[in-house]
Amino acid sequence: MNKQETVRLLRECNAGIKMGISSLNDTIPHIKNTKFADALVEGRREHEKLESETQALLQKYHDPDKGPSPFVKAMAKMKTDMRFFLKEQDTVAADLMTDGCHMGIKSLSRYLNQYPNAEEGVRDLTGRLIAVEEKMVRDIRPYL
């Protein structure tokens, strides 16, 4: 196990989780279909559980919780707001959420490969986060 790789992987997971929660919070109020909204709320709940785990592990390793950069969050919110301003439909939300999930899956998979010596528990947590993102894509697909 390599502590430095473990902490780096945790940071990336934590930032991605926070970004996901932020995007879900920005999107859920725009959803009209109740089942779709419920799927997003469940996804947010799963992200929040994993966020608690990552924060506890970051504290264990004495690493501050930084989250995504304010610029990245602002740009994502602006993109979301613009898309809804132009066309407020559940399909827009499904499209945005699917794109975000795919980006998360791709990034997390890359980080797993980049940090092969990270602690096994953290690698497992990353795998669970990828599984949550993949489940969200499946749950969202009917609303595209």
Protein backbone atom coordinates (compact mmCIF):
# COMPACT_ATOMS: atom_id res chain seq x y z
CA MET A 1 0.00 0.00 0.00
CA ASN A 2 1.22 3.48 -0.88
CA LYS A 3 -0.17 6.22 1.38
CA GLN A 4 0.42 8.96 -1.19
CA GLU A 5 -1.50 7.07 -3.91
CA THR A 6 -4.26 6.25 -1.42
CA VAL A 7 -4.73 9.90 -0.48
CA ARG A 8 -4.66 11.03 -4.12
CA LEU A 9 -7.31 8.47 -5.08
CA LEU A 10 -9.43 9.50 -2.10
CA ARG A 11 -9.16 13.17 -3.11
CA GLU A 12 -10.33 12.38 -6.62
CA CYS A 13 -13.25 10.30 -5.33
CA ASN A 14 -14.23 13.01 -2.89
CA ALA A 15 -14.10 15.76 -5.52
CA GLY A 16 -16.14 13.66 -7.95
CA ILE A 17 -18.73 12.81 -5.31
CA LYS A 18 -19.11 16.46 -4.33
CA MET A 19 -19.44 17.45 -7.98
CA GLY A 20 -22.10 14.79 -8.47
CA ILE A 21 -24.08 15.89 -5.43
CA SER A 22 -23.88 19.52 -6.56
CA SER A 23 -25.10 18.62 -10.06
CA LEU A 24 -27.93 16.52 -8.67
CA ASN A 25 -28.97 19.36 -6.36
CA ASP A 26 -28.98 21.75 -9.34
CA THR A 27 -30.99 19.34 -11.51
CA ILE A 28 -33.60 17.71 -9.26
CA PRO A 29 -35.78 20.87 -8.91
CA HIS A 30 -36.25 20.93 -12.70
CA ILE A 31 -37.57 17.35 -12.97
CA LYS A 32 -41.25 16.88 -13.72
CA ASN A 33 -41.45 13.07 -13.85
CA THR A 34 -41.78 11.72 -10.30
CA LYS A 35 -40.06 8.39 -11.00
CA PHE A 36 -37.15 10.18 -12.63
CA ALA A 37 -36.86 12.57 -9.67
CA ASP A 38 -36.94 9.60 -7.29
CA ALA A 39 -34.10 7.93 -9.22
CA LEU A 40 -31.99 11.09 -8.94
CA VAL A 41 -32.78 11.48 -5.24
CA GLU A 42 -31.68 7.86 -4.70
CA GLY A 43 -28.48 8.55 -6.64
CA ARG A 44 -27.83 11.58 -4.45
CA ARG A 45 -28.41 9.49 -1.32
CA GLU A 46 -25.85 6.92 -2.52
CA HIS A 47 -23.35 9.69 -3.29
CA GLU A 48 -23.88 11.17 0.18
CA LYS A 49 -23.13 7.80 1.82
CA LEU A 50 -19.89 7.52 -0.15
CA GLU A 51 -19.06 11.15 0.64
CA SER A 52 -19.23 10.34 4.37
CA GLU A 53 -16.87 7.42 3.86
CA THR A 54 -14.36 9.42 1.83
CA GLN A 55 -14.36 12.28 4.32
CA ALA A 56 -13.76 9.87 7.22
CA LEU A 57 -10.86 8.28 5.34
CA LEU A 58 -9.39 11.68 4.42
CA GLN A 59 -9.49 12.60 8.11
CA LYS A 60 -7.80 9.29 8.95
CA TYR A 61 -4.97 10.26 6.60
CA HIS A 62 -4.93 13.85 7.92
CA ASP A 63 -5.78 15.29 4.51
CA PRO A 64 -8.09 18.29 4.22
CA ASP A 65 -11.36 17.95 2.32
CA LYS A 66 -10.96 20.21 -0.71
CA GLY A 67 -13.67 19.11 -3.14
CA PRO A 68 -13.91 20.26 -6.75
CA SER A 69 -12.57 23.64 -7.74
CA PRO A 70 -15.07 26.52 -7.52
CA PHE A 71 -14.45 27.25 -11.21
CA VAL A 72 -15.43 23.73 -12.27
CA LYS A 73 -18.56 23.84 -10.09
CA ALA A 74 -19.54 27.26 -11.46
CA MET A 75 -19.06 26.16 -15.06
CA ALA A 76 -21.14 23.01 -14.51
CA LYS A 77 -23.93 25.01 -12.86
CA MET A 78 -23.87 27.55 -15.67
CA LYS A 79 -24.14 24.77 -18.27
CA THR A 80 -27.06 23.22 -16.40
CA ASP A 81 -28.87 26.53 -15.96
CA MET A 82 -28.37 27.47 -19.61
CA ARG A 83 -29.70 24.16 -20.89
CA PHE A 84 -32.79 24.41 -18.68
CA PHE A 85 -33.35 28.05 -19.62
CA LEU A 86 -33.40 27.11 -23.28
CA LYS A 87 -35.48 23.96 -22.92
CA GLU A 88 -36.76 22.76 -19.57
CA GLN A 89 -37.50 19.10 -20.10
CA ASP A 90 -36.66 15.90 -18.34
CA THR A 91 -34.74 14.78 -21.43
CA VAL A 92 -32.33 17.69 -20.93
CA ALA A 93 -31.77 16.60 -17.33
CA ALA A 94 -31.31 12.98 -18.36
CA ASP A 95 -28.79 14.04 -20.99
CA LEU A 96 -26.81 16.18 -18.53
CA MET A 97 -26.83 13.54 -15.82
CA THR A 98 -25.79 10.78 -18.22
CA ASP A 99 -22.90 12.91 -19.49
CA GLY A 100 -21.81 13.61 -15.91
CA CYS A 101 -21.99 9.94 -14.92
CA HIS A 102 -19.99 8.88 -17.98
CA MET A 103 -17.37 11.51 -17.20
CA GLY A 104 -17.18 10.26 -13.61
CA ILE A 105 -16.86 6.61 -14.66
CA LYS A 106 -14.10 7.46 -17.12
CA SER A 107 -12.17 9.63 -14.65
CA LEU A 108 -12.47 7.19 -11.76
CA SER A 109 -11.37 4.28 -13.94
CA ARG A 110 -8.36 6.31 -15.04
CA TYR A 111 -7.47 7.11 -11.42
CA LEU A 112 -7.76 3.44 -10.44
CA ASN A 113 -5.20 2.67 -13.15
CA GLN A 114 -3.04 5.65 -12.19
CA TYR A 115 -2.90 4.68 -8.50
CA PRO A 116 -2.56 0.86 -8.50
CA ASN A 117 -0.84 0.84 -5.10
CA ALA A 118 -3.60 2.67 -3.25
CA GLU A 119 -5.02 0.90 -0.20
CA GLU A 120 -7.40 -1.90 -1.21
CA GLY A 121 -10.28 -0.44 0.82
CA VAL A 122 -10.00 2.85 -1.06
CA ARG A 123 -9.78 1.03 -4.39
CA ASP A 124 -12.95 -0.85 -3.36
CA LEU A 125 -14.69 2.43 -2.45
CA THR A 126 -13.75 3.77 -5.90
CA GLY A 127 -15.24 0.67 -7.49
CA ARG A 128 -18.45 1.15 -5.52
CA LEU A 129 -18.62 4.77 -6.68
CA ILE A 130 -18.20 3.63 -10.30
CA ALA A 131 -21.02 1.11 -9.73
CA VAL A 132 -23.29 3.89 -8.39
CA GLU A 133 -22.55 5.99 -11.49
CA GLU A 134 -23.22 3.02 -13.79
CA LYS A 135 -26.52 2.31 -12.00
CA MET A 136 -27.56 5.93 -12.40
CA VAL A 137 -26.90 5.74 -16.15
CA ARG A 138 -29.15 2.65 -16.37
CA ASP A 139 -31.85 4.29 -14.23
CA ILE A 140 -31.75 7.51 -16.27
CA ARG A 141 -31.75 5.87 -19.72
CA PRO A 142 -35.58 5.69 -19.99
CA TYR A 143 -35.78 9.49 -19.69
CA LEU A 144 -33.38 10.35 -22.51
